[in-house]
């Protein structure tokens, strides 16, 4: 039987590969991000839609890479609350390990008014250690008033496929098989049956092939296939911490839960057919 994983692998095989060194030319540490949520069952066709122009990032022979994350918070969950309140300027601090090459980075990601994203990071030899070493603390002091107030709050992981359109200087990431847990707890799946698509561009371009394809889908339902506010960190916190209220993000969170249920039903029908 042809599984979804087989179908995705067959589609991915149609794309030429590229390396981290080549992708450095479109690293886009300052960029505009547009996010979408789609059923996993859309992924083979989505990948094929990019095939004429895109290259697939390959690292040490791996095309779909596991990302492990450790997120930090300030007292009162300031980063989370800024997102829940819809503040135009907000921040997150995390460590991220790339299992494909074992590298770990400490990252400060800022969202600015107007939708621009700036990411600063350093590679660290301290791994996913929740305690910062001197080099990490020096880096954080350049971005926060009091980095000593940071505490580990959430762990998360997902599988990522990265496609690069060098002509447009555009990167498209596909994240699936998401899981998360409050720091110290056992990880659990979230948004099952869904993938998070992120289109990363040096300037907003609504006419890139992937966005035109998404807008053309007749099966769009709710937020499925539509530009949306979705944060893996925020969604995971709402999923795993019963003491939180979503406020302005609550409607999006509920729609994500509905989309996950619909995607799982769609996947079950597709497998049965």
C-alpha atoms as a PDB file:
ATOM      1  CA  UNK A   1       0.000   0.000   0.000  1.00  0.00           C
ATOM      2  CA  UNK A   2       1.277   3.453  -0.894  1.00  0.00           C
ATOM      3  CA  UNK A   3       1.468   5.427   2.350  1.00  0.00           C
ATOM      4  CA  UNK A   4       1.506   9.190   2.758  1.00  0.00           C
ATOM      5  CA  UNK A   5       5.192   8.980   3.678  1.00  0.00           C
ATOM      6  CA  UNK A   6       5.868   7.124   0.433  1.00  0.00           C
ATOM      7  CA  UNK A   7       3.951   9.757  -1.557  1.00  0.00           C
ATOM      8  CA  UNK A   8       5.874  12.595   0.064  1.00  0.00           C
ATOM      9  CA  UNK A   9       9.177  10.796  -0.573  1.00  0.00           C
ATOM     10  CA  UNK A  10       8.262  10.285  -4.243  1.00  0.00           C
ATOM     11  CA  UNK A  11       7.437  13.980  -4.633  1.00  0.00           C
ATOM     12  CA  UNK A  12      10.596  15.071  -2.842  1.00  0.00           C
ATOM     13  CA  UNK A  13      12.669  12.893  -5.178  1.00  0.00           C
ATOM     14  CA  UNK A  14      11.617  15.139  -8.098  1.00  0.00           C
ATOM     15  CA  UNK A  15      13.479  18.155  -6.671  1.00  0.00           C
ATOM     16  CA  UNK A  16      17.196  18.809  -7.135  1.00  0.00           C
ATOM     17  CA  UNK A  17      19.107  19.094  -3.865  1.00  0.00           C
ATOM     18  CA  UNK A  18      21.193  21.918  -2.480  1.00  0.00           C
ATOM     19  CA  UNK A  19      23.565  22.306   0.455  1.00  0.00           C
ATOM     20  CA  UNK A  20      23.742  24.516   3.539  1.00  0.00           C
ATOM     21  CA  UNK A  21      26.596  26.422   1.914  1.00  0.00           C
ATOM     22  CA  UNK A  22      24.442  27.301  -1.118  1.00  0.00           C
ATOM     23  CA  UNK A  23      21.420  28.154   1.045  1.00  0.00           C
ATOM     24  CA  UNK A  24      23.533  30.688   2.956  1.00  0.00           C
ATOM     25  CA  UNK A  25      22.840  33.133   0.116  1.00  0.00           C
ATOM     26  CA  UNK A  26      19.143  33.159   1.105  1.00  0.00           C
ATOM     27  CA  UNK A  27      19.556  32.710   4.845  1.00  0.00           C
ATOM     28  CA  UNK A  28      17.075  35.560   5.457  1.00  0.00           C
ATOM     29  CA  UNK A  29      17.824  36.410   9.065  1.00  0.00           C
ATOM     30  CA  UNK A  30      15.798  39.587   8.360  1.00  0.00           C
ATOM     31  CA  UNK A  31      12.641  38.647   6.524  1.00  0.00           C
ATOM     32  CA  UNK A  32       8.872  38.540   6.215  1.00  0.00           C
ATOM     33  CA  UNK A  33       7.188  35.302   7.258  1.00  0.00           C
ATOM     34  CA  UNK A  34       3.807  34.057   6.062  1.00  0.00           C
ATOM     35  CA  UNK A  35       2.353  30.951   7.694  1.00  0.00           C
ATOM     36  CA  UNK A  36      -0.207  28.410   6.580  1.00  0.00           C
ATOM     37  CA  UNK A  37      -1.629  25.207   8.034  1.00  0.00           C
ATOM     38  CA  UNK A  38      -2.439  22.370   5.637  1.00  0.00           C
ATOM     39  CA  UNK A  39      -3.374  18.676   5.930  1.00  0.00           C
ATOM     40  CA  UNK A  40      -0.442  16.291   5.613  1.00  0.00           C
ATOM     41  CA  UNK A  41      -2.255  14.749   2.638  1.00  0.00           C
ATOM     42  CA  UNK A  42      -1.659  17.960   0.632  1.00  0.00           C
ATOM     43  CA  UNK A  43       2.120  17.738   0.959  1.00  0.00           C
ATOM     44  CA  UNK A  44       2.994  15.585  -2.066  1.00  0.00           C
ATOM     45  CA  UNK A  45       1.154  17.947  -4.435  1.00  0.00           C
ATOM     46  CA  UNK A  46       2.538  20.992  -2.615  1.00  0.00           C
ATOM     47  CA  UNK A  47       6.106  19.773  -3.092  1.00  0.00           C
ATOM     48  CA  UNK A  48       5.478  18.993  -6.754  1.00  0.00           C
ATOM     49  CA  UNK A  49       4.111  22.509  -7.279  1.00  0.00           C
ATOM     50  CA  UNK A  50       7.501  23.898  -6.294  1.00  0.00           C
ATOM     51  CA  UNK A  51       9.493  21.366  -8.336  1.00  0.00           C
ATOM     52  CA  UNK A  52      10.089  23.583 -11.418  1.00  0.00           C
ATOM     53  CA  UNK A  53      11.910  26.274  -9.429  1.00  0.00           C
ATOM     54  CA  UNK A  54      12.863  24.922  -6.008  1.00  0.00           C
ATOM     55  CA  UNK A  55      15.801  23.017  -4.598  1.00  0.00           C
ATOM     56  CA  UNK A  56      15.574  20.776  -1.563  1.00  0.00           C
ATOM     57  CA  UNK A  57      17.971  21.318   1.338  1.00  0.00           C
ATOM     58  CA  UNK A  58      20.057  18.213   2.023  1.00  0.00           C
ATOM     59  CA  UNK A  59      22.250  17.926   5.129  1.00  0.00           C
ATOM     60  CA  UNK A  60      24.521  14.908   5.508  1.00  0.00           C
ATOM     61  CA  UNK A  61      22.302  12.937   3.159  1.00  0.00           C
ATOM     62  CA  UNK A  62      19.130  13.848   5.068  1.00  0.00           C
ATOM     63  CA  UNK A  63      16.210  15.629   3.370  1.00  0.00           C
ATOM     64  CA  UNK A  64      13.741  15.760   6.265  1.00  0.00           C
ATOM     65  CA  UNK A  65      15.474  16.854   9.448  1.00  0.00           C
ATOM     66  CA  UNK A  66      14.438  16.622  13.094  1.00  0.00           C
ATOM     67  CA  UNK A  67      14.556  19.884  15.054  1.00  0.00           C
ATOM     68  CA  UNK A  68      14.642  19.771  18.870  1.00  0.00           C
ATOM     69  CA  UNK A  69      13.792  23.009  20.673  1.00  0.00           C
ATOM     70  CA  UNK A  70      14.038  24.367  24.192  1.00  0.00           C
ATOM     71  CA  UNK A  71      12.078  27.591  24.782  1.00  0.00           C
ATOM     72  CA  UNK A  72      12.780  30.075  27.551  1.00  0.00           C
ATOM     73  CA  UNK A  73      10.474  32.554  29.246  1.00  0.00           C
ATOM     74  CA  UNK A  74      10.616  35.661  31.426  1.00  0.00           C
ATOM     75  CA  UNK A  75       8.663  35.998  34.691  1.00  0.00           C
ATOM     76  CA  UNK A  76       4.922  36.170  34.125  1.00  0.00           C
ATOM     77  CA  UNK A  77       5.345  34.425  30.754  1.00  0.00           C
ATOM     78  CA  UNK A  78       6.039  37.798  29.146  1.00  0.00           C
ATOM     79  CA  UNK A  79       6.941  36.397  25.713  1.00  0.00           C
ATOM     80  CA  UNK A  80       3.784  34.294  25.614  1.00  0.00           C
ATOM     81  CA  UNK A  81       1.537  37.060  26.921  1.00  0.00           C
ATOM     82  CA  UNK A  82       2.860  39.518  24.339  1.00  0.00           C
ATOM     83  CA  UNK A  83       1.862  37.038  21.641  1.00  0.00           C
ATOM     84  CA  UNK A  84      -1.538  36.296  23.154  1.00  0.00           C
ATOM     85  CA  UNK A  85      -2.290  40.016  23.340  1.00  0.00           C
ATOM     86  CA  UNK A  86      -1.299  40.479  19.721  1.00  0.00           C
ATOM     87  CA  UNK A  87       1.526  42.935  20.423  1.00  0.00           C
ATOM     88  CA  UNK A  88       3.182  44.157  17.241  1.00  0.00           C
ATOM     89  CA  UNK A  89       6.653  43.854  18.794  1.00  0.00           C
ATOM     90  CA  UNK A  90       7.385  40.552  20.469  1.00  0.00           C
ATOM     91  CA  UNK A  91      10.241  38.143  21.080  1.00  0.00           C
ATOM     92  CA  UNK A  92      11.108  34.529  21.760  1.00  0.00           C
ATOM     93  CA  UNK A  93      14.298  32.924  23.036  1.00  0.00           C
ATOM     94  CA  UNK A  94      15.116  29.314  22.295  1.00  0.00           C
ATOM     95  CA  UNK A  95      17.826  26.749  21.780  1.00  0.00           C
ATOM     96  CA  UNK A  96      17.534  24.613  18.669  1.00  0.00           C
ATOM     97  CA  UNK A  97      19.371  21.399  17.844  1.00  0.00           C
ATOM     98  CA  UNK A  98      19.590  20.115  14.269  1.00  0.00           C
ATOM     99  CA  UNK A  99      19.800  16.334  14.466  1.00  0.00           C
ATOM    100  CA  UNK A 100      21.120  16.123  10.903  1.00  0.00           C
ATOM    101  CA  UNK A 101      24.483  17.615  11.921  1.00  0.00           C
ATOM    102  CA  UNK A 102      24.274  17.843  15.722  1.00  0.00           C
ATOM    103  CA  UNK A 103      24.700  21.626  15.777  1.00  0.00           C
ATOM    104  CA  UNK A 104      22.947  23.673  18.474  1.00  0.00           C
ATOM    105  CA  UNK A 105      22.134  27.385  18.244  1.00  0.00           C
ATOM    106  CA  UNK A 106      20.910  29.863  20.821  1.00  0.00           C
ATOM    107  CA  UNK A 107      18.435  32.140  19.060  1.00  0.00           C
ATOM    108  CA  UNK A 108      16.648  35.404  19.763  1.00  0.00           C
ATOM    109  CA  UNK A 109      13.776  35.901  17.336  1.00  0.00           C
ATOM    110  CA  UNK A 110      12.016  39.275  17.200  1.00  0.00           C
ATOM    111  CA  UNK A 111       8.805  40.192  15.420  1.00  0.00           C
ATOM    112  CA  UNK A 112       8.631  43.906  14.564  1.00  0.00           C
ATOM    113  CA  UNK A 113       5.704  46.189  13.725  1.00  0.00           C
ATOM    114  CA  UNK A 114       4.813  45.750  10.065  1.00  0.00           C
ATOM    115  CA  UNK A 115       5.450  42.021  10.152  1.00  0.00           C
ATOM    116  CA  UNK A 116       9.207  41.936   9.741  1.00  0.00           C
ATOM    117  CA  UNK A 117      11.138  39.185  11.549  1.00  0.00           C
ATOM    118  CA  UNK A 118      14.745  39.469  12.743  1.00  0.00           C
ATOM    119  CA  UNK A 119      16.609  36.438  14.038  1.00  0.00           C
ATOM    120  CA  UNK A 120      19.966  36.605  15.775  1.00  0.00           C
ATOM    121  CA  UNK A 121      21.787  33.474  16.862  1.00  0.00           C
ATOM    122  CA  UNK A 122      25.086  31.958  17.903  1.00  0.00           C
ATOM    123  CA  UNK A 123      26.263  28.380  17.693  1.00  0.00           C
ATOM    124  CA  UNK A 124      26.852  26.957  21.149  1.00  0.00           C
ATOM    125  CA  UNK A 125      28.811  24.022  22.519  1.00  0.00           C
ATOM    126  CA  UNK A 126      26.521  24.006  25.562  1.00  0.00           C
ATOM    127  CA  UNK A 127      23.870  21.885  23.830  1.00  0.00           C
ATOM    128  CA  UNK A 128      20.280  22.065  25.071  1.00  0.00           C
ATOM    129  CA  UNK A 129      21.504  22.694  28.602  1.00  0.00           C
ATOM    130  CA  UNK A 130      18.891  24.919  30.313  1.00  0.00           C
ATOM    131  CA  UNK A 131      21.703  26.734  32.150  1.00  0.00           C
ATOM    132  CA  UNK A 132      23.488  29.374  30.085  1.00  0.00           C
ATOM    133  CA  UNK A 133      27.276  29.486  29.924  1.00  0.00           C
ATOM    134  CA  UNK A 134      29.294  32.707  29.798  1.00  0.00           C
ATOM    135  CA  UNK A 135      29.302  32.963  25.995  1.00  0.00           C
ATOM    136  CA  UNK A 136      25.532  32.459  25.814  1.00  0.00           C
ATOM    137  CA  UNK A 137      24.900  34.998  28.562  1.00  0.00           C
ATOM    138  CA  UNK A 138      27.046  37.599  26.794  1.00  0.00           C
ATOM    139  CA  UNK A 139      25.030  37.077  23.613  1.00  0.00           C
ATOM    140  CA  UNK A 140      21.706  37.384  25.466  1.00  0.00           C
ATOM    141  CA  UNK A 141      22.792  40.574  27.202  1.00  0.00           C
ATOM    142  CA  UNK A 142      22.858  42.226  23.800  1.00  0.00           C
ATOM    143  CA  UNK A 143      19.132  41.560  23.374  1.00  0.00           C
ATOM    144  CA  UNK A 144      17.481  41.498  26.826  1.00  0.00           C
ATOM    145  CA  UNK A 145      17.692  43.764  29.849  1.00  0.00           C
ATOM    146  CA  UNK A 146      18.010  40.875  32.296  1.00  0.00           C
ATOM    147  CA  UNK A 147      18.762  37.508  30.686  1.00  0.00           C
ATOM    148  CA  UNK A 148      19.370  35.997  34.139  1.00  0.00           C
ATOM    149  CA  UNK A 149      15.559  36.068  34.563  1.00  0.00           C
ATOM    150  CA  UNK A 150      15.088  33.556  31.724  1.00  0.00           C
ATOM    151  CA  UNK A 151      13.884  30.094  32.712  1.00  0.00           C
ATOM    152  CA  UNK A 152      13.242  26.987  30.552  1.00  0.00           C
ATOM    153  CA  UNK A 153       9.518  26.590  29.898  1.00  0.00           C
ATOM    154  CA  UNK A 154       8.823  24.259  26.959  1.00  0.00           C
ATOM    155  CA  UNK A 155      10.442  21.545  24.863  1.00  0.00           C
ATOM    156  CA  UNK A 156       9.279  20.747  21.348  1.00  0.00           C
ATOM    157  CA  UNK A 157      10.268  18.818  18.255  1.00  0.00           C
ATOM    158  CA  UNK A 158       9.199  18.477  14.635  1.00  0.00           C
ATOM    159  CA  UNK A 159      10.356  17.181  11.279  1.00  0.00           C
ATOM    160  CA  UNK A 160      11.262  19.879   8.728  1.00  0.00           C
ATOM    161  CA  UNK A 161      11.692  19.864   4.973  1.00  0.00           C
ATOM    162  CA  UNK A 162      13.209  23.026   3.476  1.00  0.00           C
ATOM    163  CA  UNK A 163      12.776  24.117  -0.138  1.00  0.00           C
ATOM    164  CA  UNK A 164      14.657  27.055  -1.651  1.00  0.00           C
ATOM    165  CA  UNK A 165      13.787  29.145  -4.698  1.00  0.00           C
ATOM    166  CA  UNK A 166      17.082  30.905  -5.443  1.00  0.00           C
ATOM    167  CA  UNK A 167      15.598  33.142  -8.129  1.00  0.00           C
ATOM    168  CA  UNK A 168      13.035  34.618  -5.744  1.00  0.00           C
ATOM    169  CA  UNK A 169      15.363  34.344  -2.725  1.00  0.00           C
ATOM    170  CA  UNK A 170      12.505  32.526  -1.016  1.00  0.00           C
ATOM    171  CA  UNK A 171      12.566  29.649   1.439  1.00  0.00           C
ATOM    172  CA  UNK A 172       9.594  27.422   2.211  1.00  0.00           C
ATOM    173  CA  UNK A 173       9.684  25.185   5.277  1.00  0.00           C
ATOM    174  CA  UNK A 174       7.293  22.302   5.905  1.00  0.00           C
ATOM    175  CA  UNK A 175       7.013  21.225   9.556  1.00  0.00           C
ATOM    176  CA  UNK A 176       5.125  18.067  10.523  1.00  0.00           C
ATOM    177  CA  UNK A 177       4.962  15.430  13.261  1.00  0.00           C
ATOM    178  CA  UNK A 178       4.948  18.150  15.905  1.00  0.00           C
ATOM    179  CA  UNK A 179       5.278  17.293  19.579  1.00  0.00           C
ATOM    180  CA  UNK A 180       5.787  19.355  22.733  1.00  0.00           C
ATOM    181  CA  UNK A 181       5.794  19.321  26.520  1.00  0.00           C
ATOM    182  CA  UNK A 182       6.209  21.690  29.422  1.00  0.00           C
ATOM    183  CA  UNK A 183       9.838  21.592  30.535  1.00  0.00           C
ATOM    184  CA  UNK A 184      10.538  18.361  32.404  1.00  0.00           C
ATOM    185  CA  UNK A 185       7.343  16.602  31.270  1.00  0.00           C
ATOM    186  CA  UNK A 186       6.776  13.848  28.711  1.00  0.00           C
ATOM    187  CA  UNK A 187       6.324  15.055  25.119  1.00  0.00           C
ATOM    188  CA  UNK A 188       3.000  14.472  23.372  1.00  0.00           C
ATOM    189  CA  UNK A 189       1.884  14.959  19.735  1.00  0.00           C
ATOM    190  CA  UNK A 190       0.030  18.119  18.735  1.00  0.00           C
ATOM    191  CA  UNK A 191      -1.818  19.285  15.616  1.00  0.00           C
ATOM    192  CA  UNK A 192      -1.969  15.712  14.387  1.00  0.00           C
ATOM    193  CA  UNK A 193      -2.670  15.361  10.673  1.00  0.00           C
ATOM    194  CA  UNK A 194      -1.483  18.926  10.009  1.00  0.00           C
ATOM    195  CA  UNK A 195       1.681  20.511   8.676  1.00  0.00           C
ATOM    196  CA  UNK A 196       2.794  24.103   9.255  1.00  0.00           C
ATOM    197  CA  UNK A 197       4.037  25.840   6.104  1.00  0.00           C
ATOM    198  CA  UNK A 198       6.159  28.950   6.432  1.00  0.00           C
ATOM    199  CA  UNK A 199       7.062  31.120   3.447  1.00  0.00           C
ATOM    200  CA  UNK A 200      10.123  33.252   4.194  1.00  0.00           C
ATOM    201  CA  UNK A 201      10.829  36.171   1.867  1.00  0.00           C
ATOM    202  CA  UNK A 202      13.058  39.272   1.830  1.00  0.00           C
ATOM    203  CA  UNK A 203       9.894  41.283   1.045  1.00  0.00           C
ATOM    204  CA  UNK A 204       6.216  40.261   0.866  1.00  0.00           C
ATOM    205  CA  UNK A 205       5.339  38.569  -2.421  1.00  0.00           C
ATOM    206  CA  UNK A 206       1.800  37.182  -2.710  1.00  0.00           C
ATOM    207  CA  UNK A 207       2.509  35.817  -6.187  1.00  0.00           C
ATOM    208  CA  UNK A 208       5.113  33.209  -5.380  1.00  0.00           C
ATOM    209  CA  UNK A 209       4.148  29.765  -6.771  1.00  0.00           C
ATOM    210  CA  UNK A 210       3.422  28.227  -3.383  1.00  0.00           C
ATOM    211  CA  UNK A 211       1.077  31.029  -2.335  1.00  0.00           C
ATOM    212  CA  UNK A 212      -0.748  31.031  -5.670  1.00  0.00           C
ATOM    213  CA  UNK A 213      -1.216  27.271  -5.347  1.00  0.00           C
ATOM    214  CA  UNK A 214      -2.571  27.530  -1.815  1.00  0.00           C
ATOM    215  CA  UNK A 215      -5.074  30.214  -2.808  1.00  0.00           C
ATOM    216  CA  UNK A 216      -6.243  28.061  -5.724  1.00  0.00           C
ATOM    217  CA  UNK A 217      -7.204  25.083  -3.561  1.00  0.00           C
ATOM    218  CA  UNK A 218     -10.961  24.548  -3.564  1.00  0.00           C
ATOM    219  CA  UNK A 219     -10.682  22.339  -0.463  1.00  0.00           C
ATOM    220  CA  UNK A 220      -9.701  25.224   1.799  1.00  0.00           C
ATOM    221  CA  UNK A 221     -11.754  24.985   4.960  1.00  0.00           C
ATOM    222  CA  UNK A 222     -11.595  27.399   7.894  1.00  0.00           C
ATOM    223  CA  UNK A 223      -7.958  28.348   8.304  1.00  0.00           C
ATOM    224  CA  UNK A 224      -6.760  25.383   6.230  1.00  0.00           C
ATOM    225  CA  UNK A 225      -4.708  26.707   3.309  1.00  0.00           C
ATOM    226  CA  UNK A 226      -5.194  30.344   4.322  1.00  0.00           C
ATOM    227  CA  UNK A 227      -2.685  32.812   5.722  1.00  0.00           C
ATOM    228  CA  UNK A 228      -2.956  32.565   9.472  1.00  0.00           C
ATOM    229  CA  UNK A 229      -1.454  33.571  12.788  1.00  0.00           C
ATOM    230  CA  UNK A 230       0.038  30.358  14.085  1.00  0.00           C
ATOM    231  CA  UNK A 231       2.896  29.983  16.537  1.00  0.00           C
ATOM    232  CA  UNK A 232       4.116  26.501  17.391  1.00  0.00           C
ATOM    233  CA  UNK A 233       5.289  27.784  20.776  1.00  0.00           C
ATOM    234  CA  UNK A 234       1.993  29.484  21.632  1.00  0.00           C
ATOM    235  CA  UNK A 235      -0.082  26.552  20.415  1.00  0.00           C
ATOM    236  CA  UNK A 236       2.004  24.131  22.472  1.00  0.00           C
ATOM    237  CA  UNK A 237       1.679  26.261  25.610  1.00  0.00           C
ATOM    238  CA  UNK A 238      -2.099  26.443  25.232  1.00  0.00           C
ATOM    239  CA  UNK A 239      -2.236  22.698  24.583  1.00  0.00           C
ATOM    240  CA  UNK A 240      -0.186  21.698  27.609  1.00  0.00           C
ATOM    241  CA  UNK A 241      -0.872  24.339  30.253  1.00  0.00           C
ATOM    242  CA  UNK A 242      -4.472  24.279  31.490  1.00  0.00           C
ATOM    243  CA  UNK A 243      -3.955  27.449  33.528  1.00  0.00           C
ATOM    244  CA  UNK A 244      -3.609  29.649  30.443  1.00  0.00           C
ATOM    245  CA  UNK A 245      -6.326  31.515  28.603  1.00  0.00           C
ATOM    246  CA  UNK A 246      -5.860  32.301  24.945  1.00  0.00           C
ATOM    247  CA  UNK A 247      -7.357  35.813  24.877  1.00  0.00           C
ATOM    248  CA  UNK A 248      -6.960  37.174  21.348  1.00  0.00           C
ATOM    249  CA  UNK A 249      -5.256  33.952  20.215  1.00  0.00           C
ATOM    250  CA  UNK A 250      -8.004  31.690  21.552  1.00  0.00           C
ATOM    251  CA  UNK A 251     -10.099  31.803  18.370  1.00  0.00           C
ATOM    252  CA  UNK A 252      -7.100  30.774  16.265  1.00  0.00           C
ATOM    253  CA  UNK A 253      -6.271  27.998  18.729  1.00  0.00           C
ATOM    254  CA  UNK A 254      -9.805  26.602  18.561  1.00  0.00           C
ATOM    255  CA  UNK A 255      -9.735  26.723  14.768  1.00  0.00           C
ATOM    256  CA  UNK A 256      -6.433  24.835  14.814  1.00  0.00           C
ATOM    257  CA  UNK A 257      -8.034  22.111  16.916  1.00  0.00           C
ATOM    258  CA  UNK A 258     -10.949  21.901  14.472  1.00  0.00           C
ATOM    259  CA  UNK A 259      -8.522  21.783  11.535  1.00  0.00           C
ATOM    260  CA  UNK A 260      -6.574  18.950  13.156  1.00  0.00           C
ATOM    261  CA  UNK A 261      -9.755  16.927  13.615  1.00  0.00           C
ATOM    262  CA  UNK A 262     -10.796  17.564   9.998  1.00  0.00           C
ATOM    263  CA  UNK A 263      -7.315  16.650   8.690  1.00  0.00           C
ATOM    264  CA  UNK A 264      -7.285  13.388  10.614  1.00  0.00           C
ATOM    265  CA  UNK A 265     -10.697  12.482   9.197  1.00  0.00           C
ATOM    266  CA  UNK A 266      -9.481  13.363   5.677  1.00  0.00           C
ATOM    267  CA  UNK A 267      -6.377  11.249   6.111  1.00  0.00           C
ATOM    268  CA  UNK A 268      -8.440   8.288   7.337  1.00  0.00           C
ATOM    269  CA  UNK A 269     -10.796   8.544   4.327  1.00  0.00           C
ATOM    270  CA  UNK A 270      -7.853   8.805   1.924  1.00  0.00           C
ATOM    271  CA  UNK A 271      -6.193   5.719   3.431  1.00  0.00           C
ATOM    272  CA  UNK A 272      -9.485   3.803   3.232  1.00  0.00           C
ATOM    273  CA  UNK A 273     -10.008   4.747  -0.417  1.00  0.00           C
END
